[in-house]
């Protein structure tokens, strides 16, 4: 039986993300998961997300420009939102 490889994307514009993604990749491999890590530009991340061609995306979120955690959580995680956001939608 051929095992499939998962796709994990991140971007180098936040310097801490690629090394963190490498650690995640290594730790998942210890559990038997094969993960292809792809480091792409931050501008490419939204295109990948829109296509749905990924298993995981590691990104950073800051509250600097919108210092309201409720807004961030509602944008990212509320499943009833239909406009663009980073959460899962039903």
PDB file of N, CA and C in Angstrom:
ATOM      1  N   UNK A   1       0.843  -1.180   0.000  1.00  0.00           N
ATOM      2  CA  UNK A   1       0.000   0.000   0.000  1.00  0.00           C
ATOM      3  C   UNK A   1       0.888   1.243   0.000  1.00  0.00           C
ATOM      4  N   UNK A   2       0.658   2.122  -0.944  1.00  0.00           N
ATOM      5  CA  UNK A   2       1.452   3.336  -1.066  1.00  0.00           C
ATOM      6  C   UNK A   2       0.912   4.400  -0.115  1.00  0.00           C
ATOM      7  N   UNK A   3       1.800   4.987   0.682  1.00  0.00           N
ATOM      8  CA  UNK A   3       1.352   6.033   1.602  1.00  0.00           C
ATOM      9  C   UNK A   3       1.386   7.383   0.887  1.00  0.00           C
ATOM     10  N   UNK A   4       0.453   8.233   1.208  1.00  0.00           N
ATOM     11  CA  UNK A   4       0.418   9.562   0.604  1.00  0.00           C
ATOM     12  C   UNK A   4       1.219  10.534   1.458  1.00  0.00           C
ATOM     13  N   UNK A   5       1.674  11.575   0.834  1.00  0.00           N
ATOM     14  CA  UNK A   5       2.435  12.600   1.523  1.00  0.00           C
ATOM     15  C   UNK A   5       1.538  13.809   1.729  1.00  0.00           C
ATOM     16  N   UNK A   6       1.632  14.402   2.883  1.00  0.00           N
ATOM     17  CA  UNK A   6       0.865  15.601   3.198  1.00  0.00           C
ATOM     18  C   UNK A   6       1.655  16.833   2.782  1.00  0.00           C
ATOM     19  N   UNK A   7       0.935  17.893   2.453  1.00  0.00           N
ATOM     20  CA  UNK A   7       1.567  19.148   2.044  1.00  0.00           C
ATOM     21  C   UNK A   7       1.440  20.178   3.164  1.00  0.00           C
ATOM     22  N   UNK A   8       2.582  20.691   3.610  1.00  0.00           N
ATOM     23  CA  UNK A   8       2.640  21.751   4.608  1.00  0.00           C
ATOM     24  C   UNK A   8       3.321  22.948   3.973  1.00  0.00           C
ATOM     25  N   UNK A   9       2.632  24.084   3.968  1.00  0.00           N
ATOM     26  CA  UNK A   9       3.175  25.309   3.393  1.00  0.00           C
ATOM     27  C   UNK A   9       3.426  26.339   4.481  1.00  0.00           C
ATOM     28  N   UNK A  10       4.442  27.144   4.268  1.00  0.00           N
ATOM     29  CA  UNK A  10       4.695  28.314   5.093  1.00  0.00           C
ATOM     30  C   UNK A  10       5.457  29.321   4.246  1.00  0.00           C
ATOM     31  N   UNK A  11       5.839  30.448   4.836  1.00  0.00           N
ATOM     32  CA  UNK A  11       6.499  31.510   4.083  1.00  0.00           C
ATOM     33  C   UNK A  11       7.666  32.086   4.878  1.00  0.00           C
ATOM     34  N   UNK A  12       8.679  32.615   4.169  1.00  0.00           N
ATOM     35  CA  UNK A  12       9.886  33.102   4.836  1.00  0.00           C
ATOM     36  C   UNK A  12       9.797  34.542   5.331  1.00  0.00           C
ATOM     37  N   UNK A  13       8.736  35.251   4.997  1.00  0.00           N
ATOM     38  CA  UNK A  13       8.634  36.648   5.406  1.00  0.00           C
ATOM     39  C   UNK A  13       8.542  36.803   6.928  1.00  0.00           C
ATOM     40  N   UNK A  14       8.132  35.758   7.617  1.00  0.00           N
ATOM     41  CA  UNK A  14       8.245  35.704   9.084  1.00  0.00           C
ATOM     42  C   UNK A  14       9.303  34.648   9.361  1.00  0.00           C
ATOM     43  N   UNK A  15      10.475  35.111   9.744  1.00  0.00           N
ATOM     44  CA  UNK A  15      11.676  34.276   9.813  1.00  0.00           C
ATOM     45  C   UNK A  15      11.526  33.050  10.706  1.00  0.00           C
ATOM     46  N   UNK A  16      10.649  33.107  11.694  1.00  0.00           N
ATOM     47  CA  UNK A  16      10.504  31.976  12.612  1.00  0.00           C
ATOM     48  C   UNK A  16       9.692  30.817  12.023  1.00  0.00           C
ATOM     49  N   UNK A  17       8.937  31.063  10.972  1.00  0.00           N
ATOM     50  CA  UNK A  17       8.033  30.037  10.459  1.00  0.00           C
ATOM     51  C   UNK A  17       8.729  28.865   9.755  1.00  0.00           C
ATOM     52  N   UNK A  18       9.673  29.090   8.809  1.00  0.00           N
ATOM     53  CA  UNK A  18      10.314  27.925   8.181  1.00  0.00           C
ATOM     54  C   UNK A  18      11.021  26.984   9.161  1.00  0.00           C
ATOM     55  N   UNK A  19      11.812  27.489  10.132  1.00  0.00           N
ATOM     56  CA  UNK A  19      12.413  26.547  11.092  1.00  0.00           C
ATOM     57  C   UNK A  19      11.370  25.819  11.939  1.00  0.00           C
ATOM     58  N   UNK A  20      10.302  26.513  12.303  1.00  0.00           N
ATOM     59  CA  UNK A  20       9.235  25.872  13.063  1.00  0.00           C
ATOM     60  C   UNK A  20       8.556  24.795  12.224  1.00  0.00           C
ATOM     61  N   UNK A  21       8.342  25.069  10.953  1.00  0.00           N
ATOM     62  CA  UNK A  21       7.733  24.078  10.056  1.00  0.00           C
ATOM     63  C   UNK A  21       8.629  22.850   9.900  1.00  0.00           C
ATOM     64  N   UNK A  22       9.948  23.067   9.875  1.00  0.00           N
ATOM     65  CA  UNK A  22      10.873  21.933   9.801  1.00  0.00           C
ATOM     66  C   UNK A  22      10.764  21.054  11.040  1.00  0.00           C
ATOM     67  N   UNK A  23      10.609  21.674  12.196  1.00  0.00           N
ATOM     68  CA  UNK A  23      10.444  20.908  13.438  1.00  0.00           C
ATOM     69  C   UNK A  23       9.139  20.118  13.395  1.00  0.00           C
ATOM     70  N   UNK A  24       8.072  20.750  12.941  1.00  0.00           N
ATOM     71  CA  UNK A  24       6.779  20.057  12.814  1.00  0.00           C
ATOM     72  C   UNK A  24       6.921  18.871  11.864  1.00  0.00           C
ATOM     73  N   UNK A  25       7.585  19.085  10.735  1.00  0.00           N
ATOM     74  CA  UNK A  25       7.807  18.015   9.769  1.00  0.00           C
ATOM     75  C   UNK A  25       8.574  16.852  10.406  1.00  0.00           C
ATOM     76  N   UNK A  26       9.632  17.159  11.146  1.00  0.00           N
ATOM     77  CA  UNK A  26      10.434  16.122  11.802  1.00  0.00           C
ATOM     78  C   UNK A  26       9.634  15.367  12.852  1.00  0.00           C
ATOM     79  N   UNK A  27       8.867  16.092  13.641  1.00  0.00           N
ATOM     80  CA  UNK A  27       8.074  15.451  14.702  1.00  0.00           C
ATOM     81  C   UNK A  27       6.972  14.568  14.108  1.00  0.00           C
ATOM     82  N   UNK A  28       6.337  15.040  13.038  1.00  0.00           N
ATOM     83  CA  UNK A  28       5.312  14.219  12.393  1.00  0.00           C
ATOM     84  C   UNK A  28       5.906  12.970  11.755  1.00  0.00           C
ATOM     85  N   UNK A  29       7.138  13.081  11.253  1.00  0.00           N
ATOM     86  CA  UNK A  29       7.778  11.896  10.664  1.00  0.00           C
ATOM     87  C   UNK A  29       8.043  10.833  11.726  1.00  0.00           C
ATOM     88  N   UNK A  30       8.290  11.252  12.957  1.00  0.00           N
ATOM     89  CA  UNK A  30       8.468  10.295  14.056  1.00  0.00           C
ATOM     90  C   UNK A  30       7.180   9.512  14.326  1.00  0.00           C
ATOM     91  N   UNK A  31       6.055  10.104  13.972  1.00  0.00           N
ATOM     92  CA  UNK A  31       4.758   9.462  14.159  1.00  0.00           C
ATOM     93  C   UNK A  31       4.307   8.707  12.917  1.00  0.00           C
ATOM     94  N   UNK A  32       5.152   8.700  11.881  1.00  0.00           N
ATOM     95  CA  UNK A  32       4.837   7.950  10.672  1.00  0.00           C
ATOM     96  C   UNK A  32       4.192   8.754   9.559  1.00  0.00           C
ATOM     97  N   UNK A  33       4.118  10.071   9.701  1.00  0.00           N
ATOM     98  CA  UNK A  33       3.527  10.923   8.668  1.00  0.00           C
ATOM     99  C   UNK A  33       4.612  11.423   7.733  1.00  0.00           C
ATOM    100  N   UNK A  34       4.352  11.352   6.442  1.00  0.00           N
ATOM    101  CA  UNK A  34       5.261  11.911   5.449  1.00  0.00           C
ATOM    102  C   UNK A  34       4.754  13.287   5.064  1.00  0.00           C
ATOM    103  N   UNK A  35       5.573  14.295   5.282  1.00  0.00           N
ATOM    104  CA  UNK A  35       5.149  15.672   5.052  1.00  0.00           C
ATOM    105  C   UNK A  35       6.113  16.339   4.077  1.00  0.00           C
ATOM    106  N   UNK A  36       5.569  16.873   2.989  1.00  0.00           N
ATOM    107  CA  UNK A  36       6.344  17.694   2.059  1.00  0.00           C
ATOM    108  C   UNK A  36       6.216  19.140   2.508  1.00  0.00           C
ATOM    109  N   UNK A  37       7.321  19.726   2.911  1.00  0.00           N
ATOM    110  CA  UNK A  37       7.341  21.114   3.352  1.00  0.00           C
ATOM    111  C   UNK A  37       7.674  22.002   2.171  1.00  0.00           C
ATOM    112  N   UNK A  38       6.841  22.995   1.936  1.00  0.00           N
ATOM    113  CA  UNK A  38       7.059  23.953   0.855  1.00  0.00           C
ATOM    114  C   UNK A  38       7.094  25.353   1.457  1.00  0.00           C
ATOM    115  N   UNK A  39       8.194  26.064   1.239  1.00  0.00           N
ATOM    116  CA  UNK A  39       8.317  27.453   1.685  1.00  0.00           C
ATOM    117  C   UNK A  39       8.118  28.326   0.454  1.00  0.00           C
ATOM    118  N   UNK A  40       7.043  29.109   0.481  1.00  0.00           N
ATOM    119  CA  UNK A  40       6.663  29.947  -0.656  1.00  0.00           C
ATOM    120  C   UNK A  40       6.491  31.382  -0.170  1.00  0.00           C
ATOM    121  N   UNK A  41       6.365  32.318  -1.079  1.00  0.00           N
ATOM    122  CA  UNK A  41       6.166  33.709  -0.671  1.00  0.00           C
ATOM    123  C   UNK A  41       4.808  33.874   0.005  1.00  0.00           C
ATOM    124  N   UNK A  42       4.724  34.863   0.855  1.00  0.00           N
ATOM    125  CA  UNK A  42       3.472  35.093   1.584  1.00  0.00           C
ATOM    126  C   UNK A  42       2.326  35.386   0.617  1.00  0.00           C
ATOM    127  N   UNK A  43       2.615  36.005  -0.508  1.00  0.00           N
ATOM    128  CA  UNK A  43       1.580  36.288  -1.494  1.00  0.00           C
ATOM    129  C   UNK A  43       1.011  35.039  -2.145  1.00  0.00           C
ATOM    130  N   UNK A  44       1.771  33.967  -2.160  1.00  0.00           N
ATOM    131  CA  UNK A  44       1.329  32.719  -2.757  1.00  0.00           C
ATOM    132  C   UNK A  44       0.411  31.938  -1.819  1.00  0.00           C
ATOM    133  N   UNK A  45       0.511  32.176  -0.528  1.00  0.00           N
ATOM    134  CA  UNK A  45      -0.263  31.419   0.460  1.00  0.00           C
ATOM    135  C   UNK A  45      -1.765  31.534   0.199  1.00  0.00           C
ATOM    136  N   UNK A  46      -2.269  32.728  -0.065  1.00  0.00           N
ATOM    137  CA  UNK A  46      -3.723  32.865  -0.270  1.00  0.00           C
ATOM    138  C   UNK A  46      -4.167  32.134  -1.533  1.00  0.00           C
ATOM    139  N   UNK A  47      -3.328  32.101  -2.573  1.00  0.00           N
ATOM    140  CA  UNK A  47      -3.681  31.345  -3.783  1.00  0.00           C
ATOM    141  C   UNK A  47      -3.766  29.849  -3.495  1.00  0.00           C
ATOM    142  N   UNK A  48      -2.817  29.344  -2.728  1.00  0.00           N
ATOM    143  CA  UNK A  48      -2.819  27.925  -2.347  1.00  0.00           C
ATOM    144  C   UNK A  48      -4.062  27.620  -1.522  1.00  0.00           C
ATOM    145  N   UNK A  49      -4.385  28.520  -0.586  1.00  0.00           N
ATOM    146  CA  UNK A  49      -5.564  28.327   0.267  1.00  0.00           C
ATOM    147  C   UNK A  49      -6.838  28.302  -0.566  1.00  0.00           C
ATOM    148  N   UNK A  50      -6.956  29.241  -1.509  1.00  0.00           N
ATOM    149  CA  UNK A  50      -8.156  29.312  -2.351  1.00  0.00           C
ATOM    150  C   UNK A  50      -8.315  28.058  -3.204  1.00  0.00           C
ATOM    151  N   UNK A  51      -7.204  27.510  -3.699  1.00  0.00           N
ATOM    152  CA  UNK A  51      -7.248  26.282  -4.496  1.00  0.00           C
ATOM    153  C   UNK A  51      -7.530  25.056  -3.633  1.00  0.00           C
ATOM    154  N   UNK A  52      -7.229  25.143  -2.347  1.00  0.00           N
ATOM    155  CA  UNK A  52      -7.416  23.999  -1.456  1.00  0.00           C
ATOM    156  C   UNK A  52      -6.362  22.922  -1.654  1.00  0.00           C
ATOM    157  N   UNK A  53      -5.239  23.296  -2.233  1.00  0.00           N
ATOM    158  CA  UNK A  53      -4.184  22.340  -2.555  1.00  0.00           C
ATOM    159  C   UNK A  53      -3.153  22.268  -1.422  1.00  0.00           C
ATOM    160  N   UNK A  54      -3.600  21.889  -0.227  1.00  0.00           N
ATOM    161  CA  UNK A  54      -2.715  21.806   0.922  1.00  0.00           C
ATOM    162  C   UNK A  54      -3.365  20.932   1.984  1.00  0.00           C
ATOM    163  N   UNK A  55      -2.554  20.470   2.904  1.00  0.00           N
ATOM    164  CA  UNK A  55      -3.075  19.782   4.081  1.00  0.00           C
ATOM    165  C   UNK A  55      -2.956  20.668   5.311  1.00  0.00           C
ATOM    166  N   UNK A  56      -1.915  21.521   5.331  1.00  0.00           N
ATOM    167  CA  UNK A  56      -1.736  22.456   6.442  1.00  0.00           C
ATOM    168  C   UNK A  56      -0.961  23.666   5.946  1.00  0.00           C
ATOM    169  N   UNK A  57      -1.278  24.815   6.524  1.00  0.00           N
ATOM    170  CA  UNK A  57      -0.543  26.050   6.256  1.00  0.00           C
ATOM    171  C   UNK A  57      -0.140  26.618   7.601  1.00  0.00           C
ATOM    172  N   UNK A  58       1.153  26.853   7.768  1.00  0.00           N
ATOM    173  CA  UNK A  58       1.664  27.464   8.991  1.00  0.00           C
ATOM    174  C   UNK A  58       1.871  28.941   8.717  1.00  0.00           C
ATOM    175  N   UNK A  59       1.132  29.765   9.438  1.00  0.00           N
ATOM    176  CA  UNK A  59       1.236  31.203   9.254  1.00  0.00           C
ATOM    177  C   UNK A  59       1.201  31.905  10.597  1.00  0.00           C
ATOM    178  N   UNK A  60       1.627  33.114  10.607  1.00  0.00           N
ATOM    179  CA  UNK A  60       1.594  33.916  11.818  1.00  0.00           C
ATOM    180  C   UNK A  60       0.492  34.946  11.740  1.00  0.00           C
ATOM    181  N   UNK A  61      -0.125  35.192  12.852  1.00  0.00           N
ATOM    182  CA  UNK A  61      -1.153  36.227  12.916  1.00  0.00           C
ATOM    183  C   UNK A  61      -0.758  37.208  14.002  1.00  0.00           C
ATOM    184  N   UNK A  62      -0.921  38.453  13.717  1.00  0.00           N
ATOM    185  CA  UNK A  62      -0.630  39.475  14.704  1.00  0.00           C
ATOM    186  C   UNK A  62      -1.853  40.331  14.939  1.00  0.00           C
ATOM    187  N   UNK A  63      -1.875  40.964  16.082  1.00  0.00           N
ATOM    188  CA  UNK A  63      -2.991  41.846  16.415  1.00  0.00           C
ATOM    189  C   UNK A  63      -2.574  43.306  16.334  1.00  0.00           C
ATOM    190  N   UNK A  64      -1.443  43.579  15.689  1.00  0.00           N
ATOM    191  CA  UNK A  64      -0.931  44.941  15.643  1.00  0.00           C
ATOM    192  C   UNK A  64      -1.880  45.890  14.924  1.00  0.00           C
ATOM    193  N   UNK A  65      -2.357  45.507  13.743  1.00  0.00           N
ATOM    194  CA  UNK A  65      -3.203  46.401  12.956  1.00  0.00           C
ATOM    195  C   UNK A  65      -4.669  46.346  13.389  1.00  0.00           C
ATOM    196  N   UNK A  66      -5.112  45.212  13.873  1.00  0.00           N
ATOM    197  CA  UNK A  66      -6.480  45.065  14.356  1.00  0.00           C
ATOM    198  C   UNK A  66      -6.385  44.475  15.766  1.00  0.00           C
ATOM    199  N   UNK A  67      -6.245  45.329  16.771  1.00  0.00           N
ATOM    200  CA  UNK A  67      -5.988  44.821  18.128  1.00  0.00           C
ATOM    201  C   UNK A  67      -7.233  44.288  18.831  1.00  0.00           C
ATOM    202  N   UNK A  68      -8.092  43.633  18.090  1.00  0.00           N
ATOM    203  CA  UNK A  68      -9.320  43.095  18.659  1.00  0.00           C
ATOM    204  C   UNK A  68      -9.337  41.582  18.438  1.00  0.00           C
ATOM    205  N   UNK A  69      -9.029  40.780  19.477  1.00  0.00           N
ATOM    206  CA  UNK A  69      -8.995  39.336  19.291  1.00  0.00           C
ATOM    207  C   UNK A  69     -10.329  38.759  18.838  1.00  0.00           C
ATOM    208  N   UNK A  70     -11.445  39.371  19.227  1.00  0.00           N
ATOM    209  CA  UNK A  70     -12.746  38.863  18.802  1.00  0.00           C
ATOM    210  C   UNK A  70     -12.879  38.954  17.287  1.00  0.00           C
ATOM    211  N   UNK A  71     -12.438  40.060  16.703  1.00  0.00           N
ATOM    212  CA  UNK A  71     -12.488  40.212  15.254  1.00  0.00           C
ATOM    213  C   UNK A  71     -11.644  39.135  14.573  1.00  0.00           C
ATOM    214  N   UNK A  72     -10.431  38.908  15.077  1.00  0.00           N
ATOM    215  CA  UNK A  72      -9.539  37.906  14.480  1.00  0.00           C
ATOM    216  C   UNK A  72     -10.158  36.513  14.584  1.00  0.00           C
ATOM    217  N   UNK A  73     -10.659  36.153  15.760  1.00  0.00           N
ATOM    218  CA  UNK A  73     -11.242  34.815  15.924  1.00  0.00           C
ATOM    219  C   UNK A  73     -12.497  34.642  15.076  1.00  0.00           C
ATOM    220  N   UNK A  74     -13.329  35.665  14.979  1.00  0.00           N
ATOM    221  CA  UNK A  74     -14.535  35.558  14.155  1.00  0.00           C
ATOM    222  C   UNK A  74     -14.171  35.453  12.674  1.00  0.00           C
ATOM    223  N   UNK A  75     -13.142  36.195  12.244  1.00  0.00           N
ATOM    224  CA  UNK A  75     -12.706  36.130  10.853  1.00  0.00           C
ATOM    225  C   UNK A  75     -12.119  34.763  10.535  1.00  0.00           C
ATOM    226  N   UNK A  76     -11.308  34.245  11.453  1.00  0.00           N
ATOM    227  CA  UNK A  76     -10.574  33.020  11.177  1.00  0.00           C
ATOM    228  C   UNK A  76     -11.344  31.739  11.461  1.00  0.00           C
ATOM    229  N   UNK A  77     -12.200  31.736  12.457  1.00  0.00           N
ATOM    230  CA  UNK A  77     -12.734  30.460  12.927  1.00  0.00           C
ATOM    231  C   UNK A  77     -14.244  30.327  12.954  1.00  0.00           C
ATOM    232  N   UNK A  78     -14.991  31.371  12.745  1.00  0.00           N
ATOM    233  CA  UNK A  78     -16.444  31.255  12.770  1.00  0.00           C
ATOM    234  C   UNK A  78     -16.923  30.638  11.462  1.00  0.00           C
ATOM    235  N   UNK A  79     -17.534  29.474  11.537  1.00  0.00           N
ATOM    236  CA  UNK A  79     -17.879  28.714  10.333  1.00  0.00           C
ATOM    237  C   UNK A  79     -19.048  29.307   9.558  1.00  0.00           C
ATOM    238  N   UNK A  80     -19.762  30.255  10.100  1.00  0.00           N
ATOM    239  CA  UNK A  80     -20.895  30.834   9.401  1.00  0.00           C
ATOM    240  C   UNK A  80     -20.522  31.960   8.451  1.00  0.00           C
ATOM    241  N   UNK A  81     -19.292  32.402   8.476  1.00  0.00           N
ATOM    242  CA  UNK A  81     -18.876  33.496   7.590  1.00  0.00           C
ATOM    243  C   UNK A  81     -18.685  32.980   6.177  1.00  0.00           C
ATOM    244  N   UNK A  82     -19.186  33.705   5.222  1.00  0.00           N
ATOM    245  CA  UNK A  82     -19.072  33.280   3.829  1.00  0.00           C
ATOM    246  C   UNK A  82     -17.991  34.055   3.076  1.00  0.00           C
ATOM    247  N   UNK A  83     -17.604  35.248   3.556  1.00  0.00           N
ATOM    248  CA  UNK A  83     -16.569  36.007   2.861  1.00  0.00           C
ATOM    249  C   UNK A  83     -15.190  35.422   3.172  1.00  0.00           C
ATOM    250  N   UNK A  84     -14.205  35.893   2.476  1.00  0.00           N
ATOM    251  CA  UNK A  84     -12.848  35.360   2.598  1.00  0.00           C
ATOM    252  C   UNK A  84     -12.333  35.487   4.030  1.00  0.00           C
ATOM    253  N   UNK A  85     -11.783  34.451   4.524  1.00  0.00           N
ATOM    254  CA  UNK A  85     -11.141  34.403   5.824  1.00  0.00           C
ATOM    255  C   UNK A  85     -10.307  33.136   5.859  1.00  0.00           C
ATOM    256  N   UNK A  86      -9.638  32.866   6.945  1.00  0.00           N
ATOM    257  CA  UNK A  86      -8.732  31.727   7.008  1.00  0.00           C
ATOM    258  C   UNK A  86      -9.343  30.524   7.698  1.00  0.00           C
ATOM    259  N   UNK A  87     -10.554  30.624   8.195  1.00  0.00           N
ATOM    260  CA  UNK A  87     -11.160  29.515   8.922  1.00  0.00           C
ATOM    261  C   UNK A  87     -11.786  28.471   8.019  1.00  0.00           C
ATOM    262  N   UNK A  88     -12.327  27.449   8.654  1.00  0.00           N
ATOM    263  CA  UNK A  88     -13.018  26.377   7.918  1.00  0.00           C
ATOM    264  C   UNK A  88     -14.476  26.755   7.779  1.00  0.00           C
ATOM    265  N   UNK A  89     -15.026  26.531   6.618  1.00  0.00           N
ATOM    266  CA  UNK A  89     -16.415  26.927   6.360  1.00  0.00           C
ATOM    267  C   UNK A  89     -17.257  25.721   6.038  1.00  0.00           C
ATOM    268  N   UNK A  90     -18.513  25.790   6.474  1.00  0.00           N
ATOM    269  CA  UNK A  90     -19.446  24.711   6.236  1.00  0.00           C
ATOM    270  C   UNK A  90     -20.222  24.876   4.973  1.00  0.00           C
TER     271      UNK A  90
END
